[in-house]
Structures are given as structure tokens and as C-alpha cells.
């Protein structure tokens, strides 16, 4: 998949970028077909793992992206759709990350405020360092520079975590490092201006 950056966007630009996200390259198609047509048990259960802050995007952008990807025949893990009742969420999320070829991380305004999102993000980055997991970030109504530099709303979110006595400094540092790393990956910058 090609990455795109834009300094200004219109609603039409955003729709075009959403369509681009939904299109598979020939390489992606070959990976999916070879993993699913193998005579042995396929290593990958999901083509894409979606990471997002439900409060910001679950009922809007993420739902539209999920439906579009599924319509293209892409196997997508989305926590509200794929998790079975009675399963331990954190265990199943980690398993789903490890069983995915790609992860799309939708970084939105409140993403860093969620400890769940940050734990998921750290697990994604850690797994990507050990395997061929490809991280595809979408900067949804946020500035990628704020993600890279932990400024703006992200600085406030991390300050709140640092002031929480239940969250250890090592964990916060791991979250910050993962957040910065994803901020340095070329992705899609989706803004309404």
C-alpha cells in the first residue's frame, strides 16, 4: 500500500484517501492468497488488525473502514466485531495482533488518553520489531508532528498518566517510545479543514 501525506484536505480528499486505504496492492493480494491457500495451517488469521480509540472513531471512521475492508474480502480484526463473549480481552487482543499481517492504527485526539490503546500500541510495536508485521498509521484529525513530539493533547494525556500512581514510569516510557515510533512512520494524514 502506498502512503500519502497532505497538508490541506477537503472532504473529497478524505473520501479519496479512504478509498485508497481500501484498495489492495497486488503484493498484498498475493500474501493473503498464499497464506489462506496453503495446505498447512496458515500462520495469519487476520489480514488487518484495527487499533483505534472507540470514543473517537468507533461509530464513524473506523466502522466505515472496517466495512470497506471486509467488502474487499480482507480479513479484519476489530475488537467489537471479532471478540467472542467470555474471552479475556487483553489476551485475545495480543493473540489477534500476532495473527495479523498488517495493523492499521487510527490515532485520534483521545488515543493516548486510553491506557488500553497505549498497551495495544506498545504490543503492536514490540511485535513488529520481532516479525514482519506492517504498521499503517492514520492520523485522524491530529497532527502527525504532535504524535512524534508528544505535544498538544498527547502531552496532556501522558502527563495525566504520569500523575496516576497506578501507572508505573517504565510502562509510561514504553508507551511514549511506541507512540513516537508510530509517529515517525509515513501514514495517512486525514484532516477536515
N, C-alpha and C. Protein backbone atom coordinates (compact mmCIF):
# COMPACT_ATOMS: atom_id res chain seq x y z
N UNK A 1 0.84 -1.17 0.00
CA UNK A 1 0.00 0.00 0.00
C UNK A 1 0.88 1.24 0.00
N UNK A 2 0.55 2.20 -0.76
CA UNK A 2 1.32 3.44 -0.79
C UNK A 2 0.85 4.34 0.33
N UNK A 3 1.76 5.17 0.82
CA UNK A 3 1.37 6.10 1.85
C UNK A 3 1.19 7.47 1.24
N UNK A 4 0.37 8.29 1.89
CA UNK A 4 0.08 9.61 1.38
C UNK A 4 0.18 10.61 2.51
N UNK A 5 0.60 11.82 2.19
CA UNK A 5 0.62 12.92 3.15
C UNK A 5 0.03 14.14 2.46
N UNK A 6 -0.70 14.92 3.18
CA UNK A 6 -1.24 16.15 2.62
C UNK A 6 -1.27 17.20 3.70
N UNK A 7 -0.97 18.43 3.33
CA UNK A 7 -1.01 19.48 4.33
C UNK A 7 -2.41 20.06 4.45
N UNK A 8 -3.17 20.06 3.36
CA UNK A 8 -4.55 20.51 3.44
C UNK A 8 -5.43 19.47 2.78
N UNK A 9 -6.64 19.35 3.29
CA UNK A 9 -7.54 18.33 2.78
C UNK A 9 -8.96 18.87 2.71
N UNK A 10 -9.71 18.37 1.76
CA UNK A 10 -11.13 18.64 1.69
C UNK A 10 -11.86 17.35 1.96
N UNK A 11 -13.17 17.43 2.08
CA UNK A 11 -13.96 16.21 2.30
C UNK A 11 -13.75 15.24 1.15
N UNK A 12 -13.63 15.75 -0.07
CA UNK A 12 -13.40 14.88 -1.22
C UNK A 12 -12.03 14.20 -1.12
N UNK A 13 -11.01 14.95 -0.66
CA UNK A 13 -9.68 14.36 -0.46
C UNK A 13 -9.75 13.22 0.55
N UNK A 14 -10.48 13.45 1.63
CA UNK A 14 -10.59 12.43 2.67
C UNK A 14 -11.29 11.19 2.12
N UNK A 15 -12.35 11.39 1.35
CA UNK A 15 -13.04 10.24 0.74
C UNK A 15 -12.10 9.48 -0.19
N UNK A 16 -11.31 10.20 -0.96
CA UNK A 16 -10.36 9.55 -1.87
C UNK A 16 -9.31 8.77 -1.08
N UNK A 17 -8.84 9.32 0.03
CA UNK A 17 -7.86 8.61 0.85
C UNK A 17 -8.48 7.36 1.48
N UNK A 18 -9.75 7.48 1.91
CA UNK A 18 -10.43 6.30 2.46
C UNK A 18 -10.51 5.21 1.40
N UNK A 19 -10.82 5.59 0.16
CA UNK A 19 -10.87 4.60 -0.92
C UNK A 19 -9.49 3.98 -1.16
N UNK A 20 -8.45 4.80 -1.07
CA UNK A 20 -7.08 4.29 -1.27
C UNK A 20 -6.72 3.28 -0.19
N UNK A 21 -7.16 3.54 1.04
CA UNK A 21 -6.90 2.59 2.12
C UNK A 21 -7.56 1.25 1.86
N UNK A 22 -8.68 1.28 1.15
CA UNK A 22 -9.43 0.06 0.93
C UNK A 22 -8.91 -0.76 -0.23
N UNK A 23 -8.04 -0.18 -1.04
CA UNK A 23 -7.55 -0.92 -2.19
C UNK A 23 -6.32 -1.73 -1.80
N UNK A 24 -6.27 -2.95 -2.30
CA UNK A 24 -5.13 -3.83 -2.02
C UNK A 24 -4.17 -3.78 -3.19
N UNK A 25 -2.90 -3.76 -2.89
CA UNK A 25 -1.92 -3.86 -3.95
C UNK A 25 -1.81 -5.33 -4.35
N UNK A 26 -1.19 -5.58 -5.47
CA UNK A 26 -1.00 -6.96 -5.95
C UNK A 26 -0.20 -7.77 -4.93
N UNK A 27 0.81 -7.15 -4.32
CA UNK A 27 1.62 -7.83 -3.32
C UNK A 27 0.75 -8.26 -2.12
N UNK A 28 -0.10 -7.34 -1.65
CA UNK A 28 -0.98 -7.66 -0.52
C UNK A 28 -1.91 -8.81 -0.88
N UNK A 29 -2.43 -8.79 -2.08
CA UNK A 29 -3.34 -9.85 -2.54
C UNK A 29 -2.61 -11.19 -2.57
N UNK A 30 -1.36 -11.21 -3.06
CA UNK A 30 -0.58 -12.45 -3.11
C UNK A 30 -0.29 -12.99 -1.72
N UNK A 31 0.03 -12.09 -0.78
CA UNK A 31 0.29 -12.53 0.60
C UNK A 31 -0.96 -13.18 1.17
N UNK A 32 -2.11 -12.52 0.99
CA UNK A 32 -3.35 -13.06 1.54
C UNK A 32 -3.70 -14.39 0.90
N UNK A 33 -3.58 -14.48 -0.41
CA UNK A 33 -3.93 -15.72 -1.11
C UNK A 33 -2.97 -16.85 -0.76
N UNK A 34 -1.67 -16.56 -0.65
CA UNK A 34 -0.72 -17.63 -0.33
C UNK A 34 -0.90 -18.12 1.09
N UNK A 35 -1.24 -17.21 2.02
CA UNK A 35 -1.42 -17.65 3.41
C UNK A 35 -2.71 -18.42 3.59
N UNK A 36 -3.76 -18.10 2.82
CA UNK A 36 -5.03 -18.79 3.01
C UNK A 36 -5.14 -20.04 2.16
N UNK A 37 -4.32 -20.17 1.10
CA UNK A 37 -4.45 -21.35 0.25
C UNK A 37 -3.40 -22.41 0.58
N UNK A 38 -2.60 -22.17 1.58
CA UNK A 38 -1.57 -23.13 1.97
C UNK A 38 -2.20 -24.41 2.50
N UNK A 39 -1.54 -25.54 2.25
CA UNK A 39 -2.08 -26.82 2.71
C UNK A 39 -1.87 -27.00 4.21
N UNK A 40 -0.90 -26.25 4.78
CA UNK A 40 -0.71 -26.31 6.22
C UNK A 40 -1.59 -25.25 6.87
N UNK A 41 -1.64 -25.27 8.19
CA UNK A 41 -2.42 -24.27 8.89
C UNK A 41 -1.80 -22.91 8.64
N UNK A 42 -2.57 -21.92 8.16
CA UNK A 42 -1.99 -20.62 7.86
C UNK A 42 -1.50 -19.94 9.14
N UNK A 43 -0.39 -19.23 9.01
CA UNK A 43 0.18 -18.51 10.14
C UNK A 43 -0.68 -17.31 10.49
N UNK A 44 -1.30 -16.70 9.48
CA UNK A 44 -2.08 -15.49 9.67
C UNK A 44 -3.57 -15.82 9.73
N UNK A 45 -4.22 -15.31 10.73
CA UNK A 45 -5.66 -15.46 10.85
C UNK A 45 -6.37 -14.20 10.34
N UNK A 46 -5.69 -13.06 10.45
CA UNK A 46 -6.26 -11.77 10.05
C UNK A 46 -5.29 -11.08 9.09
N UNK A 47 -5.87 -10.45 8.07
CA UNK A 47 -5.04 -9.61 7.21
C UNK A 47 -4.69 -8.32 7.94
N UNK A 48 -5.68 -7.76 8.64
CA UNK A 48 -5.53 -6.45 9.28
C UNK A 48 -6.06 -6.48 10.71
N UNK A 49 -5.31 -5.89 11.61
CA UNK A 49 -5.75 -5.64 12.98
C UNK A 49 -6.00 -4.15 13.09
N UNK A 50 -7.21 -3.75 13.48
CA UNK A 50 -7.54 -2.34 13.65
C UNK A 50 -7.33 -1.92 15.10
N UNK A 51 -6.54 -0.87 15.30
CA UNK A 51 -6.33 -0.29 16.62
C UNK A 51 -6.89 1.12 16.57
N UNK A 52 -7.77 1.45 17.52
CA UNK A 52 -8.45 2.75 17.49
C UNK A 52 -9.01 3.07 18.87
N UNK A 53 -9.31 4.33 19.09
CA UNK A 53 -9.97 4.77 20.32
C UNK A 53 -11.46 4.81 20.03
N UNK A 54 -12.19 3.89 20.61
CA UNK A 54 -13.62 3.76 20.34
C UNK A 54 -14.39 5.04 20.56
N UNK A 55 -14.03 5.79 21.58
CA UNK A 55 -14.71 7.04 21.93
C UNK A 55 -14.66 8.03 20.75
N UNK A 56 -13.56 8.01 19.99
CA UNK A 56 -13.37 8.97 18.90
C UNK A 56 -13.92 8.48 17.55
N UNK A 57 -13.72 7.20 17.22
CA UNK A 57 -13.95 6.79 15.83
C UNK A 57 -14.78 5.53 15.64
N UNK A 58 -15.17 4.83 16.71
CA UNK A 58 -15.84 3.53 16.54
C UNK A 58 -17.08 3.63 15.66
N UNK A 59 -17.93 4.59 15.90
CA UNK A 59 -19.21 4.70 15.18
C UNK A 59 -19.12 5.56 13.92
N UNK A 60 -17.91 5.92 13.55
CA UNK A 60 -17.75 6.75 12.35
C UNK A 60 -16.67 6.16 11.45
N UNK A 61 -15.51 6.76 11.43
CA UNK A 61 -14.45 6.37 10.51
C UNK A 61 -14.09 4.89 10.61
N UNK A 62 -13.89 4.39 11.82
CA UNK A 62 -13.46 3.00 11.99
C UNK A 62 -14.51 2.03 11.45
N UNK A 63 -15.79 2.28 11.74
CA UNK A 63 -16.84 1.40 11.21
C UNK A 63 -16.85 1.41 9.68
N UNK A 64 -16.70 2.60 9.08
CA UNK A 64 -16.69 2.69 7.61
C UNK A 64 -15.48 1.97 7.02
N UNK A 65 -14.32 2.14 7.64
CA UNK A 65 -13.11 1.47 7.17
C UNK A 65 -13.27 -0.05 7.29
N UNK A 66 -13.78 -0.50 8.42
CA UNK A 66 -13.98 -1.94 8.66
C UNK A 66 -14.90 -2.55 7.59
N UNK A 67 -16.02 -1.91 7.35
CA UNK A 67 -16.97 -2.42 6.35
C UNK A 67 -16.34 -2.43 4.97
N UNK A 68 -15.62 -1.37 4.63
CA UNK A 68 -14.98 -1.29 3.32
C UNK A 68 -13.92 -2.37 3.12
N UNK A 69 -13.12 -2.60 4.15
CA UNK A 69 -12.09 -3.64 4.05
C UNK A 69 -12.74 -5.02 3.91
N UNK A 70 -13.75 -5.28 4.72
CA UNK A 70 -14.46 -6.58 4.64
C UNK A 70 -15.09 -6.77 3.26
N UNK A 71 -15.64 -5.71 2.71
CA UNK A 71 -16.26 -5.78 1.38
C UNK A 71 -15.24 -6.19 0.32
N UNK A 72 -13.97 -5.82 0.53
CA UNK A 72 -12.89 -6.18 -0.39
C UNK A 72 -12.38 -7.60 -0.15
N UNK A 73 -12.95 -8.28 0.85
CA UNK A 73 -12.53 -9.65 1.14
C UNK A 73 -11.34 -9.72 2.08
N UNK A 74 -11.04 -8.61 2.73
CA UNK A 74 -9.90 -8.56 3.65
C UNK A 74 -10.38 -9.02 5.03
N UNK A 75 -9.62 -9.92 5.64
CA UNK A 75 -9.97 -10.44 6.96
C UNK A 75 -9.49 -9.44 8.01
N UNK A 76 -10.44 -8.85 8.72
CA UNK A 76 -10.14 -7.76 9.64
C UNK A 76 -10.50 -8.15 11.07
N UNK A 77 -9.58 -7.85 12.01
CA UNK A 77 -9.89 -7.99 13.43
C UNK A 77 -10.24 -6.62 13.96
N UNK A 78 -11.46 -6.50 14.48
CA UNK A 78 -11.92 -5.28 15.15
C UNK A 78 -12.54 -5.72 16.46
N UNK A 79 -12.08 -5.18 17.57
CA UNK A 79 -12.45 -5.72 18.88
C UNK A 79 -13.95 -5.92 19.09
N UNK A 80 -14.78 -5.00 18.73
CA UNK A 80 -16.22 -5.13 18.97
C UNK A 80 -16.89 -6.15 18.06
N UNK A 81 -16.26 -6.47 16.94
CA UNK A 81 -16.86 -7.39 15.97
C UNK A 81 -16.31 -8.80 16.09
N UNK A 82 -15.06 -8.94 16.49
CA UNK A 82 -14.37 -10.21 16.40
C UNK A 82 -14.24 -10.94 17.73
N UNK A 83 -14.17 -10.20 18.82
CA UNK A 83 -14.03 -10.85 20.13
C UNK A 83 -15.28 -11.65 20.47
N UNK A 84 -15.08 -12.84 20.97
CA UNK A 84 -16.20 -13.68 21.39
C UNK A 84 -16.52 -13.37 22.84
N UNK A 85 -17.78 -13.42 23.20
CA UNK A 85 -18.20 -13.18 24.58
C UNK A 85 -17.55 -14.19 25.51
N UNK A 86 -17.10 -13.71 26.66
CA UNK A 86 -16.49 -14.59 27.65
C UNK A 86 -14.98 -14.71 27.51
N UNK A 87 -14.39 -14.13 26.46
CA UNK A 87 -12.94 -14.21 26.29
C UNK A 87 -12.27 -13.06 27.03
N UNK A 88 -11.05 -13.30 27.51
CA UNK A 88 -10.29 -12.24 28.15
C UNK A 88 -9.80 -11.29 27.06
N UNK A 89 -10.17 -10.03 27.19
CA UNK A 89 -9.91 -9.05 26.14
C UNK A 89 -8.41 -8.91 25.87
N UNK A 90 -7.62 -8.65 26.89
CA UNK A 90 -6.19 -8.38 26.64
C UNK A 90 -5.50 -9.58 26.01
N UNK A 91 -5.83 -10.78 26.46
CA UNK A 91 -5.22 -11.99 25.90
C UNK A 91 -5.62 -12.16 24.43
N UNK A 92 -6.87 -11.94 24.12
CA UNK A 92 -7.35 -12.09 22.74
C UNK A 92 -6.81 -10.99 21.82
N UNK A 93 -6.66 -9.78 22.35
CA UNK A 93 -6.09 -8.70 21.53
C UNK A 93 -4.64 -9.00 21.18
N UNK A 94 -3.86 -9.45 22.15
CA UNK A 94 -2.46 -9.80 21.88
C UNK A 94 -2.37 -10.93 20.86
N UNK A 95 -3.23 -11.92 21.00
CA UNK A 95 -3.25 -13.04 20.06
C UNK A 95 -3.60 -12.55 18.65
N UNK A 96 -4.60 -11.67 18.56
CA UNK A 96 -5.02 -11.14 17.25
C UNK A 96 -3.91 -10.33 16.59
N UNK A 97 -3.17 -9.55 17.38
CA UNK A 97 -2.05 -8.78 16.83
C UNK A 97 -1.03 -9.73 16.22
N UNK A 98 -0.73 -10.81 16.93
CA UNK A 98 0.28 -11.77 16.47
C UNK A 98 -0.20 -12.59 15.28
N UNK A 99 -1.48 -12.63 15.05
CA UNK A 99 -2.04 -13.40 13.93
C UNK A 99 -2.40 -12.51 12.75
N UNK A 100 -1.87 -11.29 12.71
CA UNK A 100 -2.18 -10.34 11.65
C UNK A 100 -0.95 -10.01 10.81
N UNK A 101 -1.20 -9.70 9.55
CA UNK A 101 -0.13 -9.31 8.63
C UNK A 101 0.12 -7.80 8.73
N UNK A 102 -0.96 -7.04 8.83
CA UNK A 102 -0.91 -5.59 8.93
C UNK A 102 -1.68 -5.14 10.17
N UNK A 103 -1.31 -3.98 10.66
CA UNK A 103 -2.14 -3.32 11.66
C UNK A 103 -2.33 -1.88 11.21
N UNK A 104 -3.58 -1.45 11.24
CA UNK A 104 -3.91 -0.06 10.95
C UNK A 104 -4.20 0.60 12.29
N UNK A 105 -3.40 1.59 12.62
CA UNK A 105 -3.56 2.32 13.88
C UNK A 105 -4.18 3.67 13.56
N UNK A 106 -5.39 3.88 14.05
CA UNK A 106 -6.10 5.13 13.82
C UNK A 106 -5.84 6.01 15.04
N UNK A 107 -4.88 6.91 14.90
CA UNK A 107 -4.52 7.78 16.02
C UNK A 107 -5.41 9.02 15.97
N UNK A 108 -6.24 9.13 16.99
CA UNK A 108 -7.19 10.24 17.08
C UNK A 108 -6.91 11.04 18.34
N UNK A 109 -7.69 12.08 18.56
CA UNK A 109 -7.49 13.02 19.65
C UNK A 109 -7.31 12.35 21.02
N UNK A 110 -8.12 11.35 21.34
CA UNK A 110 -8.09 10.74 22.67
C UNK A 110 -7.35 9.41 22.72
N UNK A 111 -6.66 9.03 21.65
CA UNK A 111 -5.98 7.74 21.60
C UNK A 111 -5.00 7.58 22.79
N UNK A 112 -4.19 8.59 23.04
CA UNK A 112 -3.18 8.49 24.10
C UNK A 112 -3.79 8.60 25.50
N UNK A 113 -5.03 9.02 25.60
CA UNK A 113 -5.71 9.09 26.90
C UNK A 113 -6.12 7.71 27.39
N UNK A 114 -6.23 6.76 26.47
CA UNK A 114 -6.69 5.42 26.80
C UNK A 114 -5.52 4.49 27.12
N UNK A 115 -5.50 3.97 28.34
CA UNK A 115 -4.45 3.01 28.71
C UNK A 115 -4.55 1.76 27.84
N UNK A 116 -5.79 1.35 27.50
CA UNK A 116 -5.97 0.18 26.63
C UNK A 116 -5.32 0.40 25.28
N UNK A 117 -5.55 1.59 24.69
CA UNK A 117 -4.95 1.89 23.39
C UNK A 117 -3.43 1.88 23.47
N UNK A 118 -2.89 2.47 24.53
CA UNK A 118 -1.43 2.53 24.66
C UNK A 118 -0.82 1.16 24.90
N UNK A 119 -1.49 0.31 25.67
CA UNK A 119 -0.99 -1.07 25.87
C UNK A 119 -1.01 -1.82 24.54
N UNK A 120 -2.08 -1.64 23.78
CA UNK A 120 -2.21 -2.27 22.47
C UNK A 120 -1.12 -1.76 21.53
N UNK A 121 -0.91 -0.44 21.52
CA UNK A 121 0.11 0.16 20.66
C UNK A 121 1.50 -0.37 20.99
N UNK A 122 1.82 -0.45 22.27
CA UNK A 122 3.14 -0.96 22.67
C UNK A 122 3.31 -2.41 22.23
N UNK A 123 2.24 -3.21 22.35
CA UNK A 123 2.31 -4.61 21.92
C UNK A 123 2.50 -4.70 20.41
N UNK A 124 1.84 -3.83 19.67
CA UNK A 124 1.96 -3.81 18.20
C UNK A 124 3.40 -3.49 17.80
N UNK A 125 3.96 -2.43 18.37
CA UNK A 125 5.32 -2.02 18.03
C UNK A 125 6.32 -3.11 18.41
N UNK A 126 6.15 -3.69 19.58
CA UNK A 126 7.04 -4.76 20.02
C UNK A 126 6.98 -5.96 19.08
N UNK A 127 5.77 -6.34 18.66
CA UNK A 127 5.61 -7.49 17.76
C UNK A 127 6.18 -7.17 16.37
N UNK A 128 5.99 -5.93 15.91
CA UNK A 128 6.51 -5.52 14.60
C UNK A 128 8.03 -5.58 14.57
N UNK A 129 8.68 -5.31 15.70
CA UNK A 129 10.14 -5.38 15.76
C UNK A 129 10.64 -6.82 15.65
N UNK A 130 9.82 -7.79 16.04
CA UNK A 130 10.22 -9.19 16.03
C UNK A 130 9.79 -9.93 14.77
N UNK A 131 8.83 -9.39 14.04
CA UNK A 131 8.24 -10.09 12.90
C UNK A 131 8.12 -9.16 11.70
N UNK A 132 7.36 -9.60 10.72
CA UNK A 132 7.12 -8.80 9.52
C UNK A 132 5.80 -8.04 9.58
N UNK A 133 5.23 -7.85 10.76
CA UNK A 133 4.00 -7.08 10.91
C UNK A 133 4.24 -5.67 10.39
N UNK A 134 3.37 -5.21 9.51
CA UNK A 134 3.48 -3.88 8.93
C UNK A 134 2.50 -2.95 9.63
N UNK A 135 3.00 -1.82 10.10
CA UNK A 135 2.18 -0.83 10.78
C UNK A 135 1.81 0.27 9.79
N UNK A 136 0.50 0.53 9.69
CA UNK A 136 -0.02 1.57 8.81
C UNK A 136 -0.78 2.59 9.66
N UNK A 137 -0.16 3.73 9.99
CA UNK A 137 -0.86 4.71 10.82
C UNK A 137 -1.76 5.63 10.02
N UNK A 138 -2.87 5.98 10.64
CA UNK A 138 -3.77 7.00 10.11
C UNK A 138 -3.84 8.08 11.19
N UNK A 139 -3.47 9.30 10.83
CA UNK A 139 -3.51 10.42 11.75
C UNK A 139 -4.86 11.11 11.53
N UNK A 140 -5.83 10.74 12.36
CA UNK A 140 -7.22 11.14 12.17
C UNK A 140 -7.52 12.41 12.96
N UNK A 141 -7.58 13.53 12.25
CA UNK A 141 -7.84 14.84 12.84
C UNK A 141 -6.82 15.21 13.91
N UNK A 142 -5.59 14.71 13.75
CA UNK A 142 -4.48 15.08 14.63
C UNK A 142 -3.27 15.38 13.75
N UNK A 143 -2.35 16.13 14.29
CA UNK A 143 -1.14 16.48 13.56
C UNK A 143 -0.08 15.41 13.82
N UNK A 144 0.45 14.79 12.77
CA UNK A 144 1.49 13.77 12.96
C UNK A 144 2.70 14.29 13.76
N UNK A 145 3.00 15.58 13.64
CA UNK A 145 4.10 16.17 14.40
C UNK A 145 3.82 16.10 15.90
N UNK A 146 2.55 16.30 16.30
CA UNK A 146 2.18 16.19 17.72
C UNK A 146 2.36 14.76 18.22
N UNK A 147 2.14 13.79 17.35
CA UNK A 147 2.34 12.38 17.72
C UNK A 147 3.83 12.13 17.92
N UNK A 148 4.65 12.53 16.94
CA UNK A 148 6.10 12.32 17.01
C UNK A 148 6.73 12.99 18.23
N UNK A 149 6.26 14.21 18.52
CA UNK A 149 6.89 15.00 19.57
C UNK A 149 6.14 14.96 20.90
N UNK A 150 5.06 14.21 20.95
CA UNK A 150 4.23 14.12 22.17
C UNK A 150 3.84 15.51 22.66
N UNK A 151 3.28 16.30 21.75
CA UNK A 151 2.83 17.65 22.09
C UNK A 151 1.31 17.74 21.96
N UNK A 152 0.77 18.88 22.32
CA UNK A 152 -0.67 19.09 22.23
C UNK A 152 -1.44 18.17 23.17
N UNK A 153 -2.53 17.62 22.68
CA UNK A 153 -3.38 16.75 23.51
C UNK A 153 -2.63 15.50 23.97
N UNK A 154 -1.64 15.08 23.22
CA UNK A 154 -0.88 13.88 23.59
C UNK A 154 0.02 14.15 24.79
N UNK A 155 0.59 15.34 24.86
CA UNK A 155 1.38 15.72 26.02
C UNK A 155 0.50 15.72 27.28
N UNK A 156 -0.70 16.28 27.15
CA UNK A 156 -1.63 16.32 28.28
C UNK A 156 -2.02 14.91 28.72
N UNK A 157 -2.25 14.03 27.76
CA UNK A 157 -2.63 12.65 28.09
C UNK A 157 -1.51 11.94 28.84
N UNK A 158 -0.29 12.10 28.38
CA UNK A 158 0.83 11.43 29.05
C UNK A 158 1.10 12.05 30.43
N UNK A 159 0.89 13.34 30.57
CA UNK A 159 1.03 13.98 31.89
C UNK A 159 0.01 13.39 32.86
N UNK A 160 -1.22 13.17 32.38
CA UNK A 160 -2.25 12.57 33.24
C UNK A 160 -1.84 11.15 33.65
N UNK A 161 -1.27 10.38 32.74
CA UNK A 161 -0.81 9.02 33.07
C UNK A 161 0.33 9.09 34.11
N UNK A 162 1.24 10.05 33.93
CA UNK A 162 2.35 10.19 34.86
C UNK A 162 1.88 10.55 36.26
N UNK A 163 0.77 11.27 36.36
CA UNK A 163 0.22 11.66 37.66
C UNK A 163 -0.66 10.57 38.28
N UNK A 164 -0.85 9.48 37.56
CA UNK A 164 -1.66 8.37 38.07
C UNK A 164 -0.73 7.40 38.82
N UNK A 165 -0.89 7.27 40.15
CA UNK A 165 0.01 6.40 40.91
C UNK A 165 -0.11 4.91 40.55
N UNK A 166 -1.16 4.55 39.83
CA UNK A 166 -1.35 3.14 39.46
C UNK A 166 -0.59 2.76 38.19
N UNK A 167 -0.02 3.77 37.52
CA UNK A 167 0.72 3.51 36.28
C UNK A 167 2.20 3.76 36.54
N UNK A 168 3.01 2.73 36.33
CA UNK A 168 4.45 2.83 36.57
C UNK A 168 5.18 3.60 35.50
N UNK A 169 6.31 4.19 35.88
CA UNK A 169 7.12 5.00 34.96
C UNK A 169 7.68 4.18 33.81
N UNK A 170 8.03 2.92 34.05
CA UNK A 170 8.56 2.07 32.98
C UNK A 170 7.49 1.85 31.91
N UNK A 171 6.27 1.62 32.35
CA UNK A 171 5.17 1.40 31.41
C UNK A 171 4.92 2.67 30.59
N UNK A 172 4.92 3.82 31.26
CA UNK A 172 4.70 5.09 30.55
C UNK A 172 5.80 5.33 29.54
N UNK A 173 7.04 5.05 29.90
CA UNK A 173 8.15 5.24 28.97
C UNK A 173 8.01 4.32 27.75
N UNK A 174 7.57 3.09 27.99
CA UNK A 174 7.33 2.14 26.89
C UNK A 174 6.24 2.68 25.96
N UNK A 175 5.17 3.22 26.53
CA UNK A 175 4.08 3.79 25.74
C UNK A 175 4.57 4.99 24.92
N UNK A 176 5.35 5.87 25.55
CA UNK A 176 5.88 7.05 24.85
C UNK A 176 6.76 6.63 23.67
N UNK A 177 7.64 5.67 23.91
CA UNK A 177 8.53 5.21 22.84
C UNK A 177 7.74 4.63 21.67
N UNK A 178 6.72 3.84 21.98
CA UNK A 178 5.89 3.24 20.93
C UNK A 178 5.14 4.34 20.17
N UNK A 179 4.62 5.31 20.90
CA UNK A 179 3.87 6.40 20.28
C UNK A 179 4.75 7.21 19.34
N UNK A 180 5.97 7.53 19.81
CA UNK A 180 6.92 8.27 18.95
C UNK A 180 7.28 7.47 17.71
N UNK A 181 7.51 6.18 17.90
CA UNK A 181 7.89 5.33 16.77
C UNK A 181 6.81 5.33 15.69
N UNK A 182 5.56 5.15 16.11
CA UNK A 182 4.46 5.15 15.14
C UNK A 182 4.32 6.53 14.50
N UNK A 183 4.57 7.58 15.26
CA UNK A 183 4.52 8.94 14.71
C UNK A 183 5.56 9.19 13.63
N UNK A 184 6.60 8.39 13.60
CA UNK A 184 7.66 8.53 12.60
C UNK A 184 7.43 7.65 11.37
N UNK A 185 6.35 6.92 11.33
CA UNK A 185 6.02 6.09 10.17
C UNK A 185 5.15 6.90 9.22
N UNK A 186 5.51 6.89 7.94
CA UNK A 186 4.69 7.60 6.96
C UNK A 186 3.32 6.95 6.90
N UNK A 187 2.30 7.76 7.01
CA UNK A 187 0.93 7.24 7.01
C UNK A 187 0.00 8.22 6.33
N UNK A 188 -1.25 8.11 6.66
CA UNK A 188 -2.28 8.98 6.08
C UNK A 188 -2.62 10.05 7.09
N UNK A 189 -2.65 11.29 6.63
CA UNK A 189 -2.98 12.44 7.47
C UNK A 189 -4.37 12.92 7.04
N UNK A 190 -5.39 12.56 7.81
CA UNK A 190 -6.78 12.89 7.45
C UNK A 190 -7.27 14.04 8.32
N UNK A 191 -7.51 15.18 7.68
CA UNK A 191 -7.99 16.37 8.37
C UNK A 191 -9.14 16.99 7.58
N UNK A 192 -10.11 17.50 8.28
CA UNK A 192 -11.12 18.39 7.69
C UNK A 192 -10.63 19.80 7.96
N UNK A 193 -10.50 20.59 6.92
CA UNK A 193 -10.05 21.98 7.13
C UNK A 193 -10.97 22.92 6.43
